[in-house]
Amino acid sequence: MSLKLISGMMKSSGEDALLVMDAGGTNQMVVIDRQALLEVGAPPRCDESRLQENIDLFSRIACAKYDRGDVERDGRIRIHAADLGA
């Protein structure tokens, strides 16, 4: 089963972003780390606009990780810069 994006936002700390995705009636949290946001475009930025510009890319990465069971112990999916080229 694939995930569907509900919403995306920056954390109040400004360090990470969050995606809330639907996993068949339950919410799946996705954390996008600062380095992934910085590396996804030029010039490097870690802000709401960079997240929104690339929300489809991050959603596809989250779906692929979810489909292969790449979920952290806390139940979240984490997207790192290394995931951008995968």
N, C-alpha and C. Protein backbone atom coordinates (compact mmCIF):
# COMPACT_ATOMS: atom_id res chain seq x y z
N MET A 1 0.84 -1.18 0.00
CA MET A 1 0.00 0.00 0.00
C MET A 1 0.89 1.23 0.00
N SER A 2 0.53 2.21 -0.78
CA SER A 2 1.31 3.42 -0.85
C SER A 2 0.72 4.49 0.08
N LEU A 3 1.54 5.46 0.39
CA LEU A 3 1.11 6.57 1.24
C LEU A 3 0.53 7.69 0.39
N LYS A 4 -0.31 8.51 1.01
CA LYS A 4 -0.85 9.69 0.35
C LYS A 4 -0.59 10.89 1.24
N LEU A 5 -0.09 11.95 0.64
CA LEU A 5 0.24 13.16 1.37
C LEU A 5 -1.00 13.83 1.93
N ILE A 6 -0.95 14.17 3.21
CA ILE A 6 -2.00 14.97 3.84
C ILE A 6 -1.53 16.42 3.96
N SER A 7 -0.34 16.61 4.56
CA SER A 7 0.20 17.97 4.69
C SER A 7 1.70 17.91 4.95
N GLY A 8 2.34 19.04 4.75
CA GLY A 8 3.76 19.18 5.01
C GLY A 8 4.02 20.51 5.68
N MET A 9 4.97 20.52 6.62
CA MET A 9 5.26 21.75 7.36
C MET A 9 6.67 21.71 7.93
N MET A 10 7.21 22.86 8.21
CA MET A 10 8.48 22.94 8.91
C MET A 10 8.20 22.80 10.41
N LYS A 11 9.11 22.14 11.12
CA LYS A 11 9.00 22.10 12.58
C LYS A 11 9.28 23.49 13.12
N SER A 12 8.76 23.81 14.27
CA SER A 12 8.93 25.14 14.84
C SER A 12 10.40 25.47 15.08
N SER A 13 11.23 24.46 15.28
CA SER A 13 12.66 24.69 15.47
C SER A 13 13.33 25.16 14.18
N GLY A 14 12.70 24.88 13.04
CA GLY A 14 13.27 25.25 11.75
C GLY A 14 14.37 24.31 11.28
N GLU A 15 14.62 23.26 12.03
CA GLU A 15 15.70 22.32 11.70
C GLU A 15 15.25 21.19 10.79
N ASP A 16 14.05 20.74 10.95
CA ASP A 16 13.52 19.62 10.19
C ASP A 16 12.15 19.98 9.63
N ALA A 17 11.70 19.17 8.69
CA ALA A 17 10.35 19.32 8.16
C ALA A 17 9.59 18.03 8.46
N LEU A 18 8.28 18.14 8.47
CA LEU A 18 7.41 16.98 8.70
C LEU A 18 6.41 16.85 7.57
N LEU A 19 6.19 15.63 7.16
CA LEU A 19 5.07 15.30 6.29
C LEU A 19 4.13 14.42 7.08
N VAL A 20 2.86 14.67 6.95
CA VAL A 20 1.84 13.79 7.49
C VAL A 20 1.24 13.10 6.29
N MET A 21 1.30 11.76 6.29
CA MET A 21 0.81 11.00 5.16
C MET A 21 -0.20 9.97 5.64
N ASP A 22 -1.16 9.70 4.78
CA ASP A 22 -2.20 8.71 5.08
C ASP A 22 -1.71 7.33 4.68
N ALA A 23 -1.77 6.40 5.62
CA ALA A 23 -1.40 5.00 5.37
C ALA A 23 -2.62 4.13 5.59
N GLY A 24 -3.60 4.29 4.72
CA GLY A 24 -4.80 3.47 4.82
C GLY A 24 -5.63 3.74 6.06
N GLY A 25 -5.82 5.00 6.39
CA GLY A 25 -6.65 5.36 7.53
C GLY A 25 -5.87 5.72 8.79
N THR A 26 -4.58 5.52 8.80
CA THR A 26 -3.74 5.95 9.92
C THR A 26 -2.72 6.96 9.41
N ASN A 27 -2.26 7.81 10.29
CA ASN A 27 -1.26 8.80 9.92
C ASN A 27 0.14 8.22 10.02
N GLN A 28 0.94 8.47 9.00
CA GLN A 28 2.35 8.09 8.99
C GLN A 28 3.16 9.38 8.99
N MET A 29 3.99 9.55 10.01
CA MET A 29 4.81 10.75 10.12
C MET A 29 6.14 10.53 9.38
N VAL A 30 6.55 11.55 8.65
CA VAL A 30 7.80 11.52 7.90
C VAL A 30 8.62 12.74 8.33
N VAL A 31 9.86 12.50 8.76
CA VAL A 31 10.75 13.58 9.16
C VAL A 31 11.79 13.77 8.07
N ILE A 32 11.92 14.99 7.59
CA ILE A 32 12.93 15.32 6.58
C ILE A 32 13.99 16.14 7.28
N ASP A 33 15.22 15.64 7.29
CA ASP A 33 16.25 16.35 8.04
C ASP A 33 16.77 17.59 7.30
N ARG A 34 17.38 18.45 8.05
CA ARG A 34 17.88 19.74 7.55
C ARG A 34 18.80 19.56 6.34
N GLN A 35 19.69 18.59 6.40
CA GLN A 35 20.65 18.41 5.31
C GLN A 35 19.96 18.04 4.01
N ALA A 36 18.91 17.25 4.08
CA ALA A 36 18.15 16.89 2.87
C ALA A 36 17.51 18.14 2.27
N LEU A 37 16.96 19.00 3.10
CA LEU A 37 16.37 20.24 2.60
C LEU A 37 17.42 21.14 1.98
N LEU A 38 18.60 21.20 2.60
CA LEU A 38 19.67 22.05 2.07
C LEU A 38 20.19 21.55 0.73
N GLU A 39 20.21 20.23 0.55
CA GLU A 39 20.84 19.66 -0.64
C GLU A 39 19.88 19.46 -1.82
N VAL A 40 18.61 19.64 -1.61
CA VAL A 40 17.65 19.35 -2.67
C VAL A 40 17.58 20.45 -3.73
N GLY A 41 18.15 21.61 -3.46
CA GLY A 41 18.11 22.69 -4.44
C GLY A 41 19.19 23.71 -4.21
N ALA A 42 19.30 24.64 -5.13
CA ALA A 42 20.30 25.69 -5.02
C ALA A 42 19.58 27.04 -5.16
N PRO A 43 19.98 28.01 -4.39
CA PRO A 43 20.98 27.95 -3.33
C PRO A 43 20.44 27.15 -2.15
N PRO A 44 21.32 26.60 -1.32
CA PRO A 44 20.87 25.81 -0.17
C PRO A 44 19.97 26.62 0.76
N ARG A 45 18.80 26.06 1.07
CA ARG A 45 17.87 26.69 2.01
C ARG A 45 17.16 25.60 2.81
N CYS A 46 16.86 25.91 4.02
CA CYS A 46 16.07 25.03 4.87
C CYS A 46 14.88 25.85 5.36
N ASP A 47 13.84 25.92 4.53
CA ASP A 47 12.68 26.72 4.88
C ASP A 47 11.41 26.13 4.25
N GLU A 48 10.30 26.74 4.58
CA GLU A 48 9.00 26.24 4.12
C GLU A 48 8.89 26.25 2.59
N SER A 49 9.43 27.27 1.95
CA SER A 49 9.32 27.31 0.50
C SER A 49 10.12 26.20 -0.17
N ARG A 50 11.29 25.87 0.37
CA ARG A 50 12.08 24.77 -0.19
C ARG A 50 11.34 23.44 0.00
N LEU A 51 10.71 23.27 1.15
CA LEU A 51 9.91 22.07 1.37
C LEU A 51 8.78 21.98 0.35
N GLN A 52 8.02 23.05 0.18
CA GLN A 52 6.87 23.02 -0.72
C GLN A 52 7.29 22.83 -2.17
N GLU A 53 8.43 23.40 -2.57
CA GLU A 53 8.93 23.23 -3.93
C GLU A 53 9.24 21.76 -4.25
N ASN A 54 9.60 21.01 -3.21
CA ASN A 54 10.06 19.63 -3.40
C ASN A 54 9.19 18.60 -2.69
N ILE A 55 7.97 18.98 -2.34
CA ILE A 55 7.12 18.09 -1.55
C ILE A 55 6.77 16.80 -2.30
N ASP A 56 6.66 16.87 -3.62
CA ASP A 56 6.38 15.66 -4.40
C ASP A 56 7.56 14.70 -4.34
N LEU A 57 8.77 15.21 -4.44
CA LEU A 57 9.97 14.38 -4.34
C LEU A 57 10.05 13.71 -2.98
N PHE A 58 9.87 14.50 -1.93
CA PHE A 58 9.94 13.93 -0.57
C PHE A 58 8.82 12.90 -0.35
N SER A 59 7.64 13.15 -0.91
CA SER A 59 6.54 12.19 -0.78
C SER A 59 6.88 10.87 -1.49
N ARG A 60 7.48 10.95 -2.68
CA ARG A 60 7.87 9.73 -3.40
C ARG A 60 8.93 8.95 -2.63
N ILE A 61 9.89 9.65 -2.06
CA ILE A 61 10.92 8.97 -1.26
C ILE A 61 10.28 8.30 -0.05
N ALA A 62 9.37 9.00 0.62
CA ALA A 62 8.69 8.43 1.78
C ALA A 62 7.89 7.19 1.40
N CYS A 63 7.20 7.24 0.27
CA CYS A 63 6.42 6.07 -0.19
C CYS A 63 7.33 4.88 -0.46
N ALA A 64 8.46 5.13 -1.12
CA ALA A 64 9.39 4.04 -1.42
C ALA A 64 9.94 3.43 -0.13
N LYS A 65 10.29 4.26 0.83
CA LYS A 65 10.81 3.75 2.10
C LYS A 65 9.73 2.96 2.84
N TYR A 66 8.52 3.47 2.84
CA TYR A 66 7.41 2.79 3.51
C TYR A 66 7.15 1.43 2.86
N ASP A 67 7.11 1.40 1.53
CA ASP A 67 6.82 0.17 0.80
C ASP A 67 7.86 -0.92 1.06
N ARG A 68 9.11 -0.53 1.29
CA ARG A 68 10.13 -1.54 1.58
C ARG A 68 10.35 -1.76 3.08
N GLY A 69 9.52 -1.13 3.91
CA GLY A 69 9.58 -1.35 5.35
C GLY A 69 10.68 -0.59 6.06
N ASP A 70 11.18 0.46 5.44
CA ASP A 70 12.26 1.25 6.01
C ASP A 70 11.68 2.30 6.95
N VAL A 71 11.22 1.82 8.12
CA VAL A 71 10.58 2.66 9.11
C VAL A 71 11.40 2.56 10.40
N GLU A 72 11.60 3.69 11.07
CA GLU A 72 12.38 3.73 12.32
C GLU A 72 11.62 3.02 13.45
N ARG A 73 12.34 2.73 14.51
CA ARG A 73 11.71 2.08 15.68
C ARG A 73 10.57 2.88 16.27
N ASP A 74 10.66 4.21 16.15
CA ASP A 74 9.60 5.06 16.70
C ASP A 74 8.39 5.15 15.76
N GLY A 75 8.44 4.45 14.63
CA GLY A 75 7.33 4.41 13.69
C GLY A 75 7.39 5.47 12.61
N ARG A 76 8.37 6.35 12.70
CA ARG A 76 8.50 7.41 11.69
C ARG A 76 9.39 6.98 10.54
N ILE A 77 9.19 7.61 9.43
CA ILE A 77 10.09 7.47 8.29
C ILE A 77 10.98 8.70 8.33
N ARG A 78 12.27 8.51 8.16
CA ARG A 78 13.21 9.62 8.16
C ARG A 78 13.87 9.73 6.79
N ILE A 79 13.89 10.93 6.26
CA ILE A 79 14.52 11.20 4.98
C ILE A 79 15.78 12.01 5.23
N HIS A 80 16.91 11.46 4.78
CA HIS A 80 18.21 12.09 4.93
C HIS A 80 18.72 12.49 3.54
N ALA A 81 19.76 13.29 3.51
CA ALA A 81 20.34 13.73 2.23
C ALA A 81 20.72 12.53 1.37
N ALA A 82 21.21 11.46 1.98
CA ALA A 82 21.61 10.26 1.22
C ALA A 82 20.44 9.64 0.47
N ASP A 83 19.22 9.87 0.93
CA ASP A 83 18.03 9.32 0.28
C ASP A 83 17.69 10.04 -1.01
N LEU A 84 18.23 11.22 -1.23
CA LEU A 84 17.89 12.00 -2.42
C LEU A 84 18.38 11.33 -3.70
N GLY A 85 19.51 10.62 -3.62
CA GLY A 85 20.05 9.97 -4.80
C GLY A 85 19.63 8.53 -4.94
N ALA A 86 18.87 8.03 -3.98
CA ALA A 86 18.50 6.61 -4.01
C ALA A 86 17.34 6.35 -4.95
